[in-house]
C-alpha cells in the first residue's frame, strides 16, 4: 500500500513536471486558463464610471468671434469652432477638440487659417476676423476639404459674422432649409 501511495505521488509529480517543462503544454495550459477566465468574467461590461449625458442640440444662430470664444470646453462644456465662416458644434469630438485634445487650440475660435496651413500654434489664429485672402490655392483646397469633413461629421449651428454683419434670424423651418443650402 505504501508503494502505491509513493508511485501515485511520483506519477503526479511527473505530470506536473511534464506540463511545466514543455513549451507546448505551457501554451495550451495558458490558453485553457484564458478561456476559462473569459467564460466566467468576460460577460460583464467594463465599468466606464460616470457616463456623460450628451448636451441638448444647440439652437441655430450666428456668432461673432467674441461670442464664439466661451465655447472652448473650459468655460462652457459645449465646444464650437468656425471653419471657413461656418460654426460647428464639435462637442462629440471632445477628445480631439477639447482642452486636452490635439486640436484643442481651435476650440471657441475660427480655425480656418490653422487648418488650411496645418499650423496648430495659437499664433496662427487671429483674434480679429480673418478674410483668408492670402492663402494659396493648395491651402484653400485643404480648407475646403476640412469644411466638407466638418459638414458631414458635426452639426452646423450658424455662421461666423464679420464686423457689421447682421445675424440671420433662424426659425425651426428655416433651420432644415438653411442646412441644405450650406
Protein backbone atom coordinates (compact mmCIF):
# COMPACT_ATOMS: atom_id res chain seq x y z
CA UNK A 1 0.00 0.00 0.00
CA UNK A 2 2.87 2.35 0.79
CA UNK A 3 4.34 1.58 -2.61
CA UNK A 4 1.04 2.56 -4.32
CA UNK A 5 0.97 5.91 -2.50
CA UNK A 6 4.59 6.70 -3.38
CA UNK A 7 4.08 5.71 -7.02
CA UNK A 8 0.96 7.95 -7.27
CA UNK A 9 2.94 10.82 -5.75
CA UNK A 10 5.71 10.16 -8.22
CA UNK A 11 3.35 9.96 -11.19
CA UNK A 12 1.52 13.16 -10.19
CA UNK A 13 4.90 14.86 -9.80
CA UNK A 14 5.79 13.54 -13.24
CA UNK A 15 2.60 15.02 -14.72
CA UNK A 16 3.34 18.46 -13.25
CA UNK A 17 6.94 18.22 -14.42
CA UNK A 18 5.73 17.30 -17.92
CA UNK A 19 3.23 20.19 -18.04
CA UNK A 20 5.62 22.86 -16.77
CA UNK A 21 8.71 21.86 -18.72
CA UNK A 22 7.16 21.54 -22.18
CA UNK A 23 6.58 24.88 -24.01
CA UNK A 24 3.66 23.39 -25.94
CA UNK A 25 1.96 22.21 -22.75
CA UNK A 26 2.53 25.61 -21.09
CA UNK A 27 0.95 27.33 -24.08
CA UNK A 28 -2.06 25.01 -24.02
CA UNK A 29 -2.45 25.46 -20.26
CA UNK A 30 -2.32 29.26 -20.66
CA UNK A 31 -4.93 29.10 -23.40
CA UNK A 32 -7.23 26.95 -21.25
CA UNK A 33 -6.88 29.32 -18.29
CA UNK A 34 -7.56 32.33 -20.52
CA UNK A 35 -10.68 30.71 -21.98
CA UNK A 36 -11.95 29.82 -18.51
CA UNK A 37 -11.40 33.42 -17.44
CA UNK A 38 -13.33 34.73 -20.46
CA UNK A 39 -16.19 32.30 -19.82
CA UNK A 40 -16.64 33.35 -16.20
CA UNK A 41 -15.54 37.00 -16.23
CA UNK A 42 -15.77 38.11 -19.87
CA UNK A 43 -19.54 38.60 -19.99
CA UNK A 44 -19.50 41.65 -17.75
CA UNK A 45 -19.44 45.02 -19.50
CA UNK A 46 -16.48 47.15 -18.49
CA UNK A 47 -17.17 49.69 -15.78
CA UNK A 48 -16.94 53.02 -17.58
CA UNK A 49 -17.54 55.05 -14.46
CA UNK A 50 -19.73 58.08 -14.90
CA UNK A 51 -21.19 58.35 -18.38
CA UNK A 52 -21.65 61.91 -19.55
CA UNK A 53 -25.08 62.86 -20.78
CA UNK A 54 -24.95 64.38 -24.26
CA UNK A 55 -25.75 68.07 -24.33
CA UNK A 56 -29.05 69.09 -25.96
CA UNK A 57 -28.81 70.20 -29.57
CA UNK A 58 -27.84 73.86 -29.82
CA UNK A 59 -30.39 76.13 -31.43
CA UNK A 60 -29.13 77.55 -34.68
CA UNK A 61 -27.76 81.10 -34.50
CA UNK A 62 -24.88 83.20 -35.80
CA UNK A 63 -21.78 84.09 -33.77
CA UNK A 64 -19.19 86.83 -33.62
CA UNK A 65 -15.65 85.85 -32.66
CA UNK A 66 -16.29 87.19 -29.14
CA UNK A 67 -19.48 85.15 -28.79
CA UNK A 68 -17.68 82.01 -30.00
CA UNK A 69 -14.78 82.29 -27.53
CA UNK A 70 -16.57 80.92 -24.39
CA UNK A 71 -17.42 77.67 -26.21
CA UNK A 72 -13.94 76.24 -25.71
CA UNK A 73 -14.73 73.26 -23.47
CA UNK A 74 -13.32 75.04 -20.41
CA UNK A 75 -15.72 77.91 -19.72
CA UNK A 76 -18.61 76.03 -21.30
CA UNK A 77 -18.89 72.23 -21.74
CA UNK A 78 -20.02 72.74 -25.34
CA UNK A 79 -17.24 73.08 -27.91
CA UNK A 80 -17.80 75.18 -31.03
CA UNK A 81 -15.37 76.14 -33.75
CA UNK A 82 -15.61 78.00 -37.03
CA UNK A 83 -14.31 76.68 -40.33
CA UNK A 84 -14.48 78.85 -43.43
CA UNK A 85 -17.21 81.08 -42.00
CA UNK A 86 -19.38 78.25 -40.67
CA UNK A 87 -19.73 77.42 -36.97
CA UNK A 88 -19.86 73.74 -35.99
CA UNK A 89 -20.68 72.03 -32.70
CA UNK A 90 -17.73 69.67 -32.22
CA UNK A 91 -18.61 68.62 -28.67
CA UNK A 92 -18.88 64.99 -29.86
CA UNK A 93 -15.21 65.17 -30.81
CA UNK A 94 -14.18 66.31 -27.32
CA UNK A 95 -11.12 64.05 -27.30
CA UNK A 96 -9.81 65.92 -30.36
CA UNK A 97 -11.12 69.46 -29.85
CA UNK A 98 -11.39 69.61 -26.05
CA UNK A 99 -8.85 71.38 -23.83
CA UNK A 100 -6.53 68.36 -23.72
CA UNK A 101 -7.03 67.30 -27.34
CA UNK A 102 -4.52 67.71 -30.18
CA UNK A 103 -6.77 70.32 -31.86
CA UNK A 104 -7.87 71.94 -28.59
CA UNK A 105 -6.25 75.23 -29.64
CA UNK A 106 -9.09 75.66 -32.18
CA UNK A 107 -11.95 75.35 -29.67
CA UNK A 108 -14.04 78.51 -29.42
CA UNK A 109 -12.17 80.11 -32.32
CA UNK A 110 -12.05 80.49 -36.08
CA UNK A 111 -9.85 77.53 -37.00
CA UNK A 112 -9.79 78.23 -40.75
CA UNK A 113 -6.21 79.54 -41.03
CA UNK A 114 -4.76 76.88 -38.73
CA UNK A 115 -6.48 74.04 -40.58
CA UNK A 116 -5.59 75.43 -44.02
CA UNK A 117 -1.91 75.83 -43.13
CA UNK A 118 -1.66 72.76 -40.85
CA UNK A 119 -0.43 75.03 -38.08
CA UNK A 120 -1.58 74.07 -34.57
CA UNK A 121 0.06 77.02 -32.81
CA UNK A 122 -2.06 79.75 -31.19
CA UNK A 123 -0.04 82.34 -33.12
CA UNK A 124 -1.58 81.04 -36.37
CA UNK A 125 -5.04 82.02 -35.14
CA UNK A 126 -6.21 85.59 -35.28
CA UNK A 127 -8.36 87.30 -32.68
CA UNK A 128 -9.98 89.51 -35.31
CA UNK A 129 -11.93 88.40 -38.38
CA UNK A 130 -9.70 86.76 -40.98
CA UNK A 131 -10.58 87.12 -44.68
CA UNK A 132 -8.09 84.34 -45.65
CA UNK A 133 -7.28 86.19 -48.89
CA UNK A 134 -3.56 85.45 -48.51
CA UNK A 135 -3.99 81.65 -48.63
CA UNK A 136 -2.61 79.95 -51.73
CA UNK A 137 -4.63 77.51 -53.88
CA UNK A 138 -3.39 74.41 -52.05
CA UNK A 139 -4.31 75.91 -48.68
CA UNK A 140 -7.75 76.93 -50.00
CA UNK A 141 -8.31 73.34 -51.21
CA UNK A 142 -7.21 71.99 -47.84
CA UNK A 143 -9.63 74.33 -46.08
CA UNK A 144 -12.47 73.21 -48.37
CA UNK A 145 -11.71 69.58 -47.53
CA UNK A 146 -11.76 70.36 -43.80
CA UNK A 147 -15.07 72.21 -44.23
CA UNK A 148 -16.59 69.22 -46.07
CA UNK A 149 -15.40 66.88 -43.32
CA UNK A 150 -16.91 69.05 -40.58
CA UNK A 151 -20.16 69.42 -42.54
CA UNK A 152 -20.63 65.65 -42.71
CA UNK A 153 -19.39 64.84 -39.21
CA UNK A 154 -20.64 67.66 -36.95
CA UNK A 155 -23.75 69.79 -36.51
CA UNK A 156 -23.77 73.13 -38.32
CA UNK A 157 -25.02 75.71 -35.80
CA UNK A 158 -24.68 79.00 -37.68
CA UNK A 159 -22.28 81.28 -39.45
CA UNK A 160 -19.38 83.36 -38.21
CA UNK A 161 -20.32 87.02 -38.51
CA UNK A 162 -17.98 89.60 -39.97
CA UNK A 163 -17.89 93.07 -38.35
CA UNK A 164 -21.07 94.99 -39.11
CA UNK A 165 -22.87 91.92 -40.47
CA UNK A 166 -26.34 91.30 -39.09
CA UNK A 167 -27.20 87.85 -37.70
CA UNK A 168 -29.72 85.72 -39.53
CA UNK A 169 -32.98 85.01 -37.71
CA UNK A 170 -33.47 81.25 -37.81
CA UNK A 171 -36.82 79.53 -37.32
CA UNK A 172 -37.39 75.81 -37.00
CA UNK A 173 -38.49 75.62 -40.65
CA UNK A 174 -35.52 77.63 -41.91
CA UNK A 175 -33.12 75.56 -39.85
CA UNK A 176 -33.59 72.50 -42.04
CA UNK A 177 -33.72 74.55 -45.25
CA UNK A 178 -30.57 76.55 -44.42
CA UNK A 179 -28.58 73.41 -43.63
CA UNK A 180 -29.29 72.04 -47.12
CA UNK A 181 -28.16 75.31 -48.69
CA UNK A 182 -24.83 75.26 -46.85
